[in-house]
N, C-alpha and C. Protein backbone atom coordinates (compact mmCIF):
# COMPACT_ATOMS: atom_id res chain seq x y z
N MET A 1 -7.79 -0.30 4.97
CA MET A 1 -7.03 -1.53 4.85
C MET A 1 -7.95 -2.70 5.18
N THR A 2 -7.87 -3.73 4.44
CA THR A 2 -8.73 -4.88 4.64
C THR A 2 -8.27 -5.69 5.84
N TYR A 3 -9.20 -6.12 6.64
CA TYR A 3 -8.90 -6.97 7.79
C TYR A 3 -9.21 -8.41 7.43
N LYS A 4 -8.24 -9.29 7.59
CA LYS A 4 -8.45 -10.70 7.30
C LYS A 4 -7.96 -11.52 8.48
N ARG A 5 -8.66 -12.57 8.78
CA ARG A 5 -8.26 -13.46 9.87
C ARG A 5 -7.16 -14.42 9.40
N GLN A 6 -6.32 -14.83 10.32
CA GLN A 6 -5.21 -15.77 10.09
C GLN A 6 -4.25 -15.29 9.00
N ILE A 7 -4.08 -13.99 8.85
CA ILE A 7 -3.11 -13.43 7.92
C ILE A 7 -2.06 -12.71 8.75
N ASP A 8 -0.79 -13.08 8.60
CA ASP A 8 0.25 -12.49 9.44
C ASP A 8 1.06 -11.42 8.74
N ARG A 9 0.69 -11.04 7.52
CA ARG A 9 1.42 -9.99 6.80
C ARG A 9 0.49 -9.32 5.79
N LEU A 10 0.85 -8.11 5.42
CA LEU A 10 0.09 -7.38 4.41
C LEU A 10 0.70 -7.61 3.04
N PRO A 11 -0.09 -7.57 1.98
CA PRO A 11 0.47 -7.76 0.64
C PRO A 11 1.33 -6.57 0.21
N ILE A 12 2.30 -6.83 -0.64
CA ILE A 12 3.12 -5.76 -1.23
C ILE A 12 2.43 -5.34 -2.52
N VAL A 13 2.19 -4.05 -2.65
CA VAL A 13 1.48 -3.52 -3.83
C VAL A 13 2.38 -3.65 -5.05
N PRO A 14 1.95 -4.37 -6.11
CA PRO A 14 2.78 -4.52 -7.30
C PRO A 14 2.96 -3.20 -8.05
N ALA A 15 4.02 -3.10 -8.81
CA ALA A 15 4.37 -1.85 -9.52
C ALA A 15 3.29 -1.43 -10.52
N ASP A 16 2.57 -2.38 -11.09
CA ASP A 16 1.56 -2.04 -12.09
C ASP A 16 0.14 -1.92 -11.52
N ALA A 17 0.02 -1.80 -10.20
CA ALA A 17 -1.30 -1.65 -9.57
C ALA A 17 -1.93 -0.32 -9.95
N LYS A 18 -3.25 -0.30 -10.04
CA LYS A 18 -3.97 0.94 -10.35
C LYS A 18 -4.12 1.76 -9.08
N GLU A 19 -3.89 3.07 -9.19
CA GLU A 19 -3.98 3.98 -8.06
C GLU A 19 -5.27 4.79 -8.17
N HIS A 20 -6.04 4.86 -7.07
CA HIS A 20 -7.32 5.57 -7.06
C HIS A 20 -7.29 6.62 -5.95
N ASN A 21 -7.75 7.83 -6.23
CA ASN A 21 -7.93 8.85 -5.21
C ASN A 21 -9.32 8.66 -4.61
N VAL A 22 -9.37 8.53 -3.28
CA VAL A 22 -10.62 8.23 -2.59
C VAL A 22 -10.87 9.29 -1.53
N THR A 23 -12.13 9.65 -1.34
CA THR A 23 -12.51 10.60 -0.30
C THR A 23 -13.30 9.86 0.77
N CYS A 24 -12.92 10.05 2.02
CA CYS A 24 -13.61 9.42 3.15
C CYS A 24 -14.93 10.16 3.39
N HIS A 25 -16.01 9.43 3.58
CA HIS A 25 -17.33 10.02 3.81
C HIS A 25 -17.78 9.87 5.26
N PHE A 26 -16.86 9.53 6.17
CA PHE A 26 -17.23 9.30 7.56
C PHE A 26 -17.66 10.58 8.25
N CYS A 27 -16.93 11.68 8.03
CA CYS A 27 -17.27 12.95 8.68
C CYS A 27 -17.30 14.07 7.64
N ILE A 28 -17.49 15.29 8.07
CA ILE A 28 -17.62 16.42 7.16
C ILE A 28 -16.28 16.87 6.57
N ALA A 29 -15.16 16.46 7.15
CA ALA A 29 -13.84 16.92 6.70
C ALA A 29 -13.50 16.44 5.28
N GLY A 30 -13.90 15.25 4.92
CA GLY A 30 -13.64 14.73 3.57
C GLY A 30 -12.18 14.47 3.29
N CYS A 31 -11.50 13.79 4.19
CA CYS A 31 -10.07 13.48 4.01
C CYS A 31 -9.88 12.61 2.76
N GLY A 32 -8.77 12.80 2.09
CA GLY A 32 -8.47 12.03 0.90
C GLY A 32 -7.34 11.05 1.15
N TYR A 33 -7.36 9.94 0.48
CA TYR A 33 -6.29 8.95 0.55
C TYR A 33 -6.22 8.19 -0.76
N LYS A 34 -5.19 7.39 -0.91
CA LYS A 34 -5.01 6.61 -2.13
C LYS A 34 -5.31 5.15 -1.84
N ALA A 35 -6.03 4.53 -2.76
CA ALA A 35 -6.33 3.10 -2.68
C ALA A 35 -5.73 2.44 -3.92
N TYR A 36 -5.28 1.20 -3.77
CA TYR A 36 -4.64 0.48 -4.87
C TYR A 36 -5.39 -0.80 -5.15
N THR A 37 -5.55 -1.13 -6.44
CA THR A 37 -6.17 -2.39 -6.84
C THR A 37 -5.24 -3.10 -7.83
N TRP A 38 -5.26 -4.43 -7.76
CA TRP A 38 -4.46 -5.24 -8.68
C TRP A 38 -5.09 -6.62 -8.78
N GLY A 39 -4.62 -7.41 -9.70
CA GLY A 39 -5.18 -8.72 -9.98
C GLY A 39 -5.09 -9.70 -8.81
N ILE A 40 -5.95 -10.70 -8.85
CA ILE A 40 -5.97 -11.73 -7.82
C ILE A 40 -4.70 -12.57 -7.91
N ASN A 41 -4.20 -13.03 -6.76
CA ASN A 41 -3.01 -13.87 -6.65
C ASN A 41 -1.77 -13.22 -7.23
N LYS A 42 -1.66 -11.92 -7.12
CA LYS A 42 -0.48 -11.20 -7.60
C LYS A 42 0.01 -10.29 -6.48
N GLN A 43 1.31 -10.25 -6.27
CA GLN A 43 1.89 -9.36 -5.29
C GLN A 43 3.15 -8.74 -5.86
N GLY A 44 3.51 -7.60 -5.30
CA GLY A 44 4.76 -6.97 -5.67
C GLY A 44 5.92 -7.66 -4.96
N GLY A 45 7.13 -7.29 -5.33
CA GLY A 45 8.31 -7.88 -4.72
C GLY A 45 9.04 -6.88 -3.84
N THR A 46 10.12 -7.33 -3.24
CA THR A 46 10.88 -6.48 -2.32
C THR A 46 11.87 -5.57 -3.02
N GLU A 47 12.15 -5.82 -4.29
CA GLU A 47 13.07 -4.96 -5.04
C GLU A 47 12.35 -3.66 -5.45
N PRO A 48 13.08 -2.54 -5.57
CA PRO A 48 12.44 -1.26 -5.90
C PRO A 48 11.61 -1.26 -7.18
N GLY A 49 11.99 -1.99 -8.19
CA GLY A 49 11.23 -2.02 -9.43
C GLY A 49 10.01 -2.93 -9.39
N GLN A 50 9.84 -3.68 -8.31
CA GLN A 50 8.76 -4.66 -8.22
C GLN A 50 7.56 -4.18 -7.39
N ASN A 51 7.68 -3.01 -6.73
CA ASN A 51 6.57 -2.53 -5.92
C ASN A 51 6.19 -1.10 -6.29
N LYS A 52 4.98 -0.71 -6.00
CA LYS A 52 4.42 0.58 -6.42
C LYS A 52 5.18 1.77 -5.85
N PHE A 53 5.79 1.62 -4.68
CA PHE A 53 6.43 2.74 -4.00
C PHE A 53 7.91 2.88 -4.34
N LYS A 54 8.40 1.98 -5.18
CA LYS A 54 9.81 1.98 -5.59
C LYS A 54 10.76 2.03 -4.39
N ALA A 55 10.39 1.29 -3.36
CA ALA A 55 11.17 1.22 -2.13
C ALA A 55 11.92 -0.11 -2.07
N ASP A 56 13.13 -0.09 -1.52
CA ASP A 56 13.90 -1.31 -1.32
C ASP A 56 13.42 -1.95 -0.02
N LEU A 57 12.52 -2.91 -0.13
CA LEU A 57 11.92 -3.54 1.04
C LEU A 57 12.76 -4.68 1.61
N THR A 58 13.97 -4.87 1.07
CA THR A 58 14.88 -5.85 1.65
C THR A 58 15.56 -5.27 2.88
N LYS A 59 15.45 -3.95 3.05
CA LYS A 59 16.06 -3.25 4.19
C LYS A 59 14.97 -2.60 5.03
N GLN A 60 15.27 -2.38 6.31
CA GLN A 60 14.32 -1.70 7.19
C GLN A 60 14.11 -0.27 6.71
N GLN A 61 12.86 0.15 6.68
CA GLN A 61 12.52 1.50 6.23
C GLN A 61 12.71 2.50 7.36
N GLY A 62 13.18 3.68 7.01
CA GLY A 62 13.39 4.73 8.00
C GLY A 62 12.09 5.41 8.38
N ALA A 63 12.15 6.23 9.42
CA ALA A 63 10.97 6.97 9.87
C ALA A 63 10.63 8.07 8.86
N GLU A 64 9.34 8.40 8.75
CA GLU A 64 8.92 9.46 7.84
C GLU A 64 9.22 10.84 8.40
N SER A 65 9.29 10.95 9.72
CA SER A 65 9.60 12.23 10.35
C SER A 65 10.37 11.98 11.65
N ALA A 66 11.03 13.03 12.13
CA ALA A 66 11.79 12.90 13.38
C ALA A 66 10.82 12.73 14.55
N ALA A 67 11.25 11.97 15.55
CA ALA A 67 10.40 11.73 16.73
C ALA A 67 10.30 12.96 17.59
């Protein structure tokens, strides 16, 4: 994730963003993760059809697993 100064929120990934499979080269394990790229000055919206994850971001998101 990119670190920027004086930024108080992260961008919402737009629905048409390109998805890339990336391998971490820090250690021997080679963990994989997804990275997203999209055009400059473009962001996704809070409605499910406006963001890459098809999530309703107008509501608080639930936990991914039980505590």
